[in-house]
């Protein structure tokens, strides 16, 4: 059983009751991402892509949608000044560290594994049950 970092802190401080909600998403590489750090626009983007993931969206379509200008804007990607007409974005080092960027990449990798585009890594944590509970609670989605 995984202990939520918030619960561990509460136990250390001898609070009677540990935190009742855990907002940490665990990536395939076992990295813990704090969903509370997402802004409103990023939460909406996460909801959209989590729903696509639940629908088992085609991996290529999922990645194409993640690369759209609207998605890139929500990720806080940099504007490319030399890319012709209109707004075009690119993922710089700052954007690649954004939690929403790492979340979308992880969901894409999980789809790629499910659909046979990628093989599961030797140390990959592919169990999604805990993440599913966290995402549903965080995004306030109904069960089923």
N, C-alpha and C. Protein backbone atom coordinates (compact mmCIF):
# COMPACT_ATOMS: atom_id res chain seq x y z
N UNK A 1 0.84 -1.18 0.00
CA UNK A 1 0.00 0.00 0.00
C UNK A 1 0.88 1.24 0.00
N UNK A 2 0.60 2.16 -0.85
CA UNK A 2 1.37 3.39 -0.97
C UNK A 2 0.87 4.40 0.05
N UNK A 3 1.80 5.05 0.73
CA UNK A 3 1.44 6.08 1.70
C UNK A 3 1.55 7.43 1.02
N UNK A 4 0.49 8.19 1.12
CA UNK A 4 0.48 9.54 0.58
C UNK A 4 1.46 10.39 1.38
N UNK A 5 2.30 11.19 0.72
CA UNK A 5 3.23 12.04 1.46
C UNK A 5 2.54 12.93 2.48
N UNK A 6 1.32 13.38 2.18
CA UNK A 6 0.58 14.20 3.14
C UNK A 6 0.27 13.41 4.41
N UNK A 7 -0.07 12.12 4.24
CA UNK A 7 -0.36 11.27 5.40
C UNK A 7 0.89 11.06 6.24
N UNK A 8 2.02 10.87 5.59
CA UNK A 8 3.28 10.67 6.31
C UNK A 8 3.62 11.90 7.15
N UNK A 9 3.40 13.09 6.61
CA UNK A 9 3.67 14.33 7.35
C UNK A 9 2.74 14.42 8.55
N UNK A 10 1.47 14.10 8.35
CA UNK A 10 0.51 14.15 9.46
C UNK A 10 0.91 13.19 10.57
N UNK A 11 1.39 12.01 10.21
CA UNK A 11 1.81 11.04 11.21
C UNK A 11 3.02 11.53 11.98
N UNK A 12 3.97 12.15 11.28
CA UNK A 12 5.16 12.69 11.94
C UNK A 12 4.78 13.76 12.96
N UNK A 13 3.81 14.57 12.63
CA UNK A 13 3.40 15.66 13.51
C UNK A 13 2.39 15.19 14.56
N UNK A 14 2.07 13.92 14.53
CA UNK A 14 1.17 13.30 15.50
C UNK A 14 -0.23 13.88 15.47
N UNK A 15 -0.66 14.26 14.27
CA UNK A 15 -2.05 14.68 14.12
C UNK A 15 -2.92 13.45 14.32
N UNK A 16 -4.07 13.66 14.84
CA UNK A 16 -4.97 12.54 15.08
C UNK A 16 -5.43 11.91 13.77
N UNK A 17 -5.58 12.74 12.76
CA UNK A 17 -6.14 12.25 11.52
C UNK A 17 -5.23 12.64 10.35
N UNK A 18 -4.78 11.66 9.53
CA UNK A 18 -3.97 12.02 8.37
C UNK A 18 -4.84 12.73 7.32
N UNK A 19 -4.19 13.34 6.37
CA UNK A 19 -4.91 14.04 5.30
C UNK A 19 -5.87 13.07 4.63
N UNK A 20 -7.05 13.55 4.31
CA UNK A 20 -8.06 12.67 3.74
C UNK A 20 -7.96 12.59 2.22
N UNK A 21 -7.28 13.50 1.61
CA UNK A 21 -7.13 13.45 0.17
C UNK A 21 -5.67 13.43 -0.20
N UNK A 22 -5.39 12.68 -1.22
CA UNK A 22 -4.03 12.60 -1.73
C UNK A 22 -4.07 13.04 -3.18
N UNK A 23 -3.23 13.97 -3.53
CA UNK A 23 -3.24 14.53 -4.88
C UNK A 23 -1.94 14.23 -5.63
N UNK A 24 -1.37 13.09 -5.36
CA UNK A 24 -0.12 12.74 -6.03
C UNK A 24 -0.35 11.65 -7.07
N UNK A 25 0.08 11.94 -8.28
CA UNK A 25 0.01 11.02 -9.41
C UNK A 25 1.40 10.40 -9.55
N UNK A 26 1.45 9.09 -9.75
CA UNK A 26 2.73 8.40 -9.88
C UNK A 26 2.96 8.01 -11.33
N UNK A 27 4.08 8.46 -11.90
CA UNK A 27 4.40 8.18 -13.30
C UNK A 27 4.96 6.77 -13.46
N UNK A 28 5.14 6.37 -14.70
CA UNK A 28 5.75 5.07 -15.00
C UNK A 28 7.14 4.95 -14.38
N UNK A 29 7.83 6.07 -14.25
CA UNK A 29 9.17 6.08 -13.67
C UNK A 29 9.14 6.27 -12.16
N UNK A 30 7.95 6.16 -11.57
CA UNK A 30 7.73 6.27 -10.13
C UNK A 30 7.98 7.68 -9.59
N UNK A 31 7.81 8.67 -10.45
CA UNK A 31 7.92 10.07 -10.02
C UNK A 31 6.55 10.50 -9.48
N UNK A 32 6.54 11.20 -8.36
CA UNK A 32 5.30 11.67 -7.75
C UNK A 32 5.04 13.11 -8.20
N UNK A 33 3.89 13.34 -8.82
CA UNK A 33 3.52 14.67 -9.30
C UNK A 33 2.36 15.21 -8.47
N UNK A 34 2.51 16.41 -7.94
CA UNK A 34 1.50 17.03 -7.09
C UNK A 34 0.47 17.74 -7.95
N UNK A 35 -0.72 17.17 -8.04
CA UNK A 35 -1.78 17.72 -8.88
C UNK A 35 -2.29 19.07 -8.37
N UNK A 36 -2.11 19.34 -7.10
CA UNK A 36 -2.57 20.62 -6.54
C UNK A 36 -1.85 21.81 -7.18
N UNK A 37 -0.72 21.58 -7.78
CA UNK A 37 0.05 22.68 -8.38
C UNK A 37 -0.45 23.08 -9.76
N UNK A 38 -1.44 22.37 -10.28
CA UNK A 38 -2.00 22.71 -11.59
C UNK A 38 -2.94 23.90 -11.48
N UNK A 39 -2.86 24.80 -12.47
CA UNK A 39 -3.82 25.90 -12.49
C UNK A 39 -5.13 25.43 -13.15
N UNK A 40 -6.12 26.29 -13.18
CA UNK A 40 -7.44 25.92 -13.68
C UNK A 40 -7.38 25.42 -15.13
N UNK A 41 -6.67 26.13 -15.97
CA UNK A 41 -6.57 25.75 -17.39
C UNK A 41 -5.89 24.38 -17.54
N UNK A 42 -4.88 24.14 -16.72
CA UNK A 42 -4.17 22.86 -16.77
C UNK A 42 -5.05 21.72 -16.25
N UNK A 43 -5.87 22.01 -15.24
CA UNK A 43 -6.81 21.00 -14.73
C UNK A 43 -7.81 20.61 -15.82
N UNK A 44 -8.29 21.62 -16.55
CA UNK A 44 -9.23 21.33 -17.64
C UNK A 44 -8.56 20.48 -18.72
N UNK A 45 -7.31 20.78 -19.00
CA UNK A 45 -6.57 20.01 -19.99
C UNK A 45 -6.36 18.57 -19.50
N UNK A 46 -6.02 18.42 -18.24
CA UNK A 46 -5.85 17.09 -17.67
C UNK A 46 -7.15 16.31 -17.75
N UNK A 47 -8.27 16.95 -17.42
CA UNK A 47 -9.58 16.28 -17.50
C UNK A 47 -9.82 15.77 -18.93
N UNK A 48 -9.58 16.63 -19.91
CA UNK A 48 -9.79 16.27 -21.31
C UNK A 48 -8.95 15.05 -21.70
N UNK A 49 -7.67 15.08 -21.33
CA UNK A 49 -6.78 13.99 -21.75
C UNK A 49 -6.97 12.73 -20.91
N UNK A 50 -7.39 12.87 -19.68
CA UNK A 50 -7.70 11.69 -18.88
C UNK A 50 -8.93 10.99 -19.46
N UNK A 51 -9.91 11.76 -19.90
CA UNK A 51 -11.09 11.17 -20.53
C UNK A 51 -10.71 10.47 -21.83
N UNK A 52 -9.80 11.07 -22.61
CA UNK A 52 -9.32 10.41 -23.83
C UNK A 52 -8.60 9.10 -23.48
N UNK A 53 -7.82 9.14 -22.42
CA UNK A 53 -7.12 7.94 -21.97
C UNK A 53 -8.12 6.85 -21.58
N UNK A 54 -9.15 7.23 -20.83
CA UNK A 54 -10.17 6.27 -20.40
C UNK A 54 -10.90 5.65 -21.60
N UNK A 55 -11.06 6.43 -22.66
CA UNK A 55 -11.73 5.95 -23.87
C UNK A 55 -10.80 5.12 -24.74
N UNK A 56 -9.55 4.95 -24.30
CA UNK A 56 -8.53 4.23 -25.07
C UNK A 56 -8.34 4.87 -26.45
N UNK A 57 -8.28 6.19 -26.45
CA UNK A 57 -8.05 6.97 -27.67
C UNK A 57 -6.83 6.42 -28.41
N UNK A 58 -6.87 6.45 -29.72
CA UNK A 58 -5.72 6.04 -30.51
C UNK A 58 -4.49 6.84 -30.08
N UNK A 59 -3.38 6.15 -29.85
CA UNK A 59 -2.16 6.78 -29.36
C UNK A 59 -1.72 7.96 -30.24
N UNK A 60 -1.72 7.77 -31.55
CA UNK A 60 -1.27 8.82 -32.46
C UNK A 60 -2.18 10.04 -32.36
N UNK A 61 -3.49 9.81 -32.28
CA UNK A 61 -4.44 10.91 -32.13
C UNK A 61 -4.22 11.63 -30.80
N UNK A 62 -3.98 10.87 -29.73
CA UNK A 62 -3.73 11.45 -28.41
C UNK A 62 -2.53 12.39 -28.46
N UNK A 63 -1.44 11.92 -29.05
CA UNK A 63 -0.21 12.72 -29.13
C UNK A 63 -0.42 13.95 -30.02
N UNK A 64 -1.16 13.78 -31.10
CA UNK A 64 -1.46 14.91 -31.99
C UNK A 64 -2.26 15.98 -31.26
N UNK A 65 -3.25 15.56 -30.49
CA UNK A 65 -4.05 16.52 -29.72
C UNK A 65 -3.21 17.20 -28.64
N UNK A 66 -2.31 16.45 -28.02
CA UNK A 66 -1.43 17.04 -27.00
C UNK A 66 -0.50 18.08 -27.61
N UNK A 67 -0.19 17.93 -28.89
CA UNK A 67 0.68 18.88 -29.58
C UNK A 67 -0.04 20.06 -30.19
N UNK A 68 -1.35 20.13 -30.04
CA UNK A 68 -2.11 21.24 -30.62
C UNK A 68 -1.76 22.55 -29.92
N UNK A 69 -2.03 23.66 -30.60
CA UNK A 69 -1.73 24.97 -30.03
C UNK A 69 -2.45 25.20 -28.70
N UNK A 70 -3.71 24.79 -28.61
CA UNK A 70 -4.46 24.99 -27.36
C UNK A 70 -3.81 24.23 -26.21
N UNK A 71 -3.41 23.00 -26.47
CA UNK A 71 -2.75 22.20 -25.43
C UNK A 71 -1.41 22.80 -25.06
N UNK A 72 -0.65 23.20 -26.07
CA UNK A 72 0.67 23.78 -25.81
C UNK A 72 0.57 25.07 -25.01
N UNK A 73 -0.47 25.85 -25.29
CA UNK A 73 -0.69 27.09 -24.55
C UNK A 73 -0.95 26.80 -23.07
N UNK A 74 -1.77 25.79 -22.79
CA UNK A 74 -2.08 25.42 -21.41
C UNK A 74 -0.86 24.86 -20.68
N UNK A 75 0.04 24.27 -21.44
CA UNK A 75 1.27 23.71 -20.86
C UNK A 75 2.26 24.84 -20.54
N UNK A 76 1.98 26.03 -21.03
CA UNK A 76 2.89 27.18 -20.89
C UNK A 76 4.14 27.02 -21.75
N UNK A 77 3.93 26.46 -22.95
CA UNK A 77 5.03 26.34 -23.90
C UNK A 77 5.39 27.73 -24.42
N UNK A 78 6.59 27.86 -24.92
CA UNK A 78 7.07 29.15 -25.44
C UNK A 78 6.50 29.40 -26.83
N UNK A 79 6.24 30.67 -27.12
CA UNK A 79 5.78 31.05 -28.45
C UNK A 79 6.98 31.07 -29.38
N UNK A 80 6.79 30.46 -30.55
CA UNK A 80 7.85 30.45 -31.55
C UNK A 80 7.66 31.67 -32.44
N UNK A 81 8.57 32.60 -32.36
CA UNK A 81 8.46 33.86 -33.11
C UNK A 81 8.74 33.70 -34.60
N UNK A 82 9.47 32.68 -34.98
CA UNK A 82 9.89 32.52 -36.38
C UNK A 82 9.17 31.38 -37.08
N UNK A 83 7.94 31.12 -36.68
CA UNK A 83 7.23 29.94 -37.21
C UNK A 83 6.14 30.31 -38.21
N UNK A 84 6.20 31.45 -38.82
CA UNK A 84 5.20 31.81 -39.81
C UNK A 84 4.00 32.49 -39.19
N UNK A 85 2.86 32.37 -39.85
CA UNK A 85 1.63 33.04 -39.40
C UNK A 85 1.02 32.34 -38.19
N UNK A 86 0.41 33.12 -37.34
CA UNK A 86 -0.30 32.56 -36.20
C UNK A 86 0.62 32.17 -35.06
N UNK A 87 -0.02 31.76 -33.98
CA UNK A 87 0.74 31.33 -32.81
C UNK A 87 1.20 29.89 -33.00
N UNK A 88 2.46 29.68 -32.79
CA UNK A 88 3.02 28.34 -32.76
C UNK A 88 3.85 28.24 -31.51
N UNK A 89 3.87 27.06 -30.93
CA UNK A 89 4.53 26.87 -29.65
C UNK A 89 5.58 25.78 -29.76
N UNK A 90 6.52 25.84 -28.84
CA UNK A 90 7.51 24.78 -28.75
C UNK A 90 7.81 24.54 -27.28
N UNK A 91 8.15 23.30 -26.99
CA UNK A 91 8.43 22.90 -25.61
C UNK A 91 9.90 23.19 -25.32
N UNK A 92 10.11 24.17 -24.46
CA UNK A 92 11.48 24.46 -24.04
C UNK A 92 11.74 23.74 -22.72
N UNK A 93 12.90 23.97 -22.15
CA UNK A 93 13.28 23.28 -20.91
C UNK A 93 12.31 23.59 -19.77
N UNK A 94 11.87 24.84 -19.69
CA UNK A 94 10.94 25.24 -18.63
C UNK A 94 9.61 24.49 -18.77
N UNK A 95 9.07 24.46 -19.98
CA UNK A 95 7.79 23.79 -20.22
C UNK A 95 7.90 22.28 -19.97
N UNK A 96 9.05 21.70 -20.29
CA UNK A 96 9.21 20.25 -20.10
C UNK A 96 9.22 19.85 -18.63
N UNK A 97 9.40 20.83 -17.76
CA UNK A 97 9.40 20.55 -16.32
C UNK A 97 8.02 20.78 -15.69
N UNK A 98 7.10 21.32 -16.46
CA UNK A 98 5.75 21.57 -15.96
C UNK A 98 5.07 20.25 -15.62
N UNK A 99 4.33 20.23 -14.54
CA UNK A 99 3.64 19.02 -14.11
C UNK A 99 2.66 18.54 -15.18
N UNK A 100 1.91 19.46 -15.79
CA UNK A 100 0.93 19.07 -16.79
C UNK A 100 1.61 18.41 -17.99
N UNK A 101 2.76 18.90 -18.39
CA UNK A 101 3.51 18.31 -19.50
C UNK A 101 3.90 16.88 -19.15
N UNK A 102 4.41 16.68 -17.95
CA UNK A 102 4.85 15.35 -17.53
C UNK A 102 3.65 14.40 -17.38
N UNK A 103 2.52 14.93 -16.92
CA UNK A 103 1.30 14.12 -16.82
C UNK A 103 0.83 13.64 -18.19
N UNK A 104 0.76 14.56 -19.14
CA UNK A 104 0.29 14.19 -20.48
C UNK A 104 1.24 13.19 -21.13
N UNK A 105 2.54 13.39 -20.93
CA UNK A 105 3.51 12.44 -21.47
C UNK A 105 3.34 11.06 -20.86
N UNK A 106 3.08 11.03 -19.56
CA UNK A 106 2.90 9.74 -18.90
C UNK A 106 1.64 9.04 -19.40
N UNK A 107 0.55 9.78 -19.53
CA UNK A 107 -0.68 9.18 -20.07
C UNK A 107 -0.45 8.67 -21.50
N UNK A 108 0.29 9.44 -22.30
CA UNK A 108 0.60 9.02 -23.67
C UNK A 108 1.44 7.74 -23.67
N UNK A 109 2.44 7.68 -22.79
CA UNK A 109 3.28 6.48 -22.71
C UNK A 109 2.46 5.27 -22.28
N UNK A 110 1.55 5.46 -21.34
CA UNK A 110 0.70 4.35 -20.90
C UNK A 110 -0.20 3.86 -22.04
N UNK A 111 -0.73 4.79 -22.83
CA UNK A 111 -1.53 4.40 -24.01
C UNK A 111 -0.66 3.65 -25.01
N UNK A 112 0.55 4.14 -25.22
CA UNK A 112 1.47 3.51 -26.17
C UNK A 112 1.78 2.07 -25.75
N UNK A 113 1.95 1.85 -24.47
CA UNK A 113 2.20 0.49 -23.97
C UNK A 113 0.96 -0.38 -24.18
N UNK A 114 -0.23 0.15 -23.82
CA UNK A 114 -1.47 -0.61 -23.98
C UNK A 114 -1.72 -0.98 -25.43
N UNK A 115 -1.35 -0.07 -26.35
CA UNK A 115 -1.66 -0.28 -27.76
C UNK A 115 -0.50 -0.87 -28.56
N UNK A 116 0.58 -1.22 -27.88
CA UNK A 116 1.69 -1.91 -28.54
C UNK A 116 2.70 -1.02 -29.25
N UNK A 117 2.67 0.27 -29.02
CA UNK A 117 3.66 1.17 -29.63
C UNK A 117 4.96 1.19 -28.83
N UNK A 118 4.87 0.92 -27.54
CA UNK A 118 6.05 0.88 -26.66
C UNK A 118 6.00 -0.39 -25.83
N UNK A 119 7.18 -0.84 -25.42
CA UNK A 119 7.25 -1.94 -24.47
C UNK A 119 7.39 -1.38 -23.07
N UNK A 120 6.84 -2.10 -22.14
CA UNK A 120 6.96 -1.71 -20.73
C UNK A 120 8.43 -1.81 -20.33
N UNK A 121 8.93 -0.76 -19.68
CA UNK A 121 10.30 -0.78 -19.19
C UNK A 121 10.44 -1.75 -18.02
N UNK A 122 11.65 -2.20 -17.80
CA UNK A 122 11.91 -3.18 -16.75
C UNK A 122 11.45 -2.68 -15.38
N UNK A 123 11.66 -1.41 -15.11
CA UNK A 123 11.31 -0.85 -13.81
C UNK A 123 10.07 0.04 -13.86
N UNK A 124 9.30 -0.08 -14.92
CA UNK A 124 8.11 0.77 -15.07
C UNK A 124 6.99 0.34 -14.13
N UNK A 125 6.37 1.33 -13.53
CA UNK A 125 5.23 1.11 -12.65
C UNK A 125 3.96 1.29 -13.47
N UNK A 126 3.46 0.20 -14.07
CA UNK A 126 2.31 0.33 -14.97
C UNK A 126 0.96 0.17 -14.26
N UNK A 127 0.97 -0.11 -12.96
CA UNK A 127 -0.29 -0.21 -12.22
C UNK A 127 -0.94 1.18 -12.19
N UNK A 128 -2.16 1.26 -12.69
CA UNK A 128 -2.82 2.56 -12.81
C UNK A 128 -3.96 2.72 -11.80
N UNK A 129 -4.23 1.70 -11.01
CA UNK A 129 -5.37 1.74 -10.09
C UNK A 129 -5.32 2.92 -9.13
N UNK A 130 -4.19 3.13 -8.50
CA UNK A 130 -4.06 4.23 -7.53
C UNK A 130 -4.20 5.58 -8.23
N UNK A 131 -3.56 5.72 -9.41
CA UNK A 131 -3.68 6.96 -10.18
C UNK A 131 -5.12 7.24 -10.57
N UNK A 132 -5.81 6.18 -10.94
CA UNK A 132 -7.21 6.35 -11.34
C UNK A 132 -8.04 6.92 -10.19
N UNK A 133 -7.85 6.40 -9.00
CA UNK A 133 -8.56 6.92 -7.82
C UNK A 133 -8.20 8.38 -7.58
N UNK A 134 -6.92 8.68 -7.65
CA UNK A 134 -6.44 10.05 -7.40
C UNK A 134 -7.03 11.01 -8.44
N UNK A 135 -6.97 10.62 -9.72
CA UNK A 135 -7.48 11.50 -10.78
C UNK A 135 -8.99 11.70 -10.67
N UNK A 136 -9.72 10.64 -10.42
CA UNK A 136 -11.18 10.78 -10.30
C UNK A 136 -11.55 11.70 -9.15
N UNK A 137 -10.87 11.53 -8.04
CA UNK A 137 -11.16 12.38 -6.89
C UNK A 137 -10.74 13.82 -7.16
N UNK A 138 -9.55 13.99 -7.71
CA UNK A 138 -9.03 15.32 -7.97
C UNK A 138 -9.88 16.07 -9.00
N UNK A 139 -10.28 15.37 -10.04
CA UNK A 139 -11.07 15.99 -11.11
C UNK A 139 -12.57 15.91 -10.82
N UNK A 140 -12.91 15.30 -9.69
CA UNK A 140 -14.29 15.14 -9.24
C UNK A 140 -15.15 14.44 -10.30
N UNK A 141 -14.63 13.32 -10.78
CA UNK A 141 -15.36 12.54 -11.77
C UNK A 141 -16.15 11.46 -11.06
N UNK A 142 -17.31 11.15 -11.58
CA UNK A 142 -18.10 10.06 -11.01
C UNK A 142 -17.46 8.73 -11.31
N UNK A 143 -17.78 7.72 -10.54
CA UNK A 143 -17.21 6.39 -10.80
C UNK A 143 -18.00 5.73 -11.91
N UNK A 144 -17.25 4.93 -12.70
CA UNK A 144 -17.90 4.19 -13.77
C UNK A 144 -17.92 4.85 -15.05
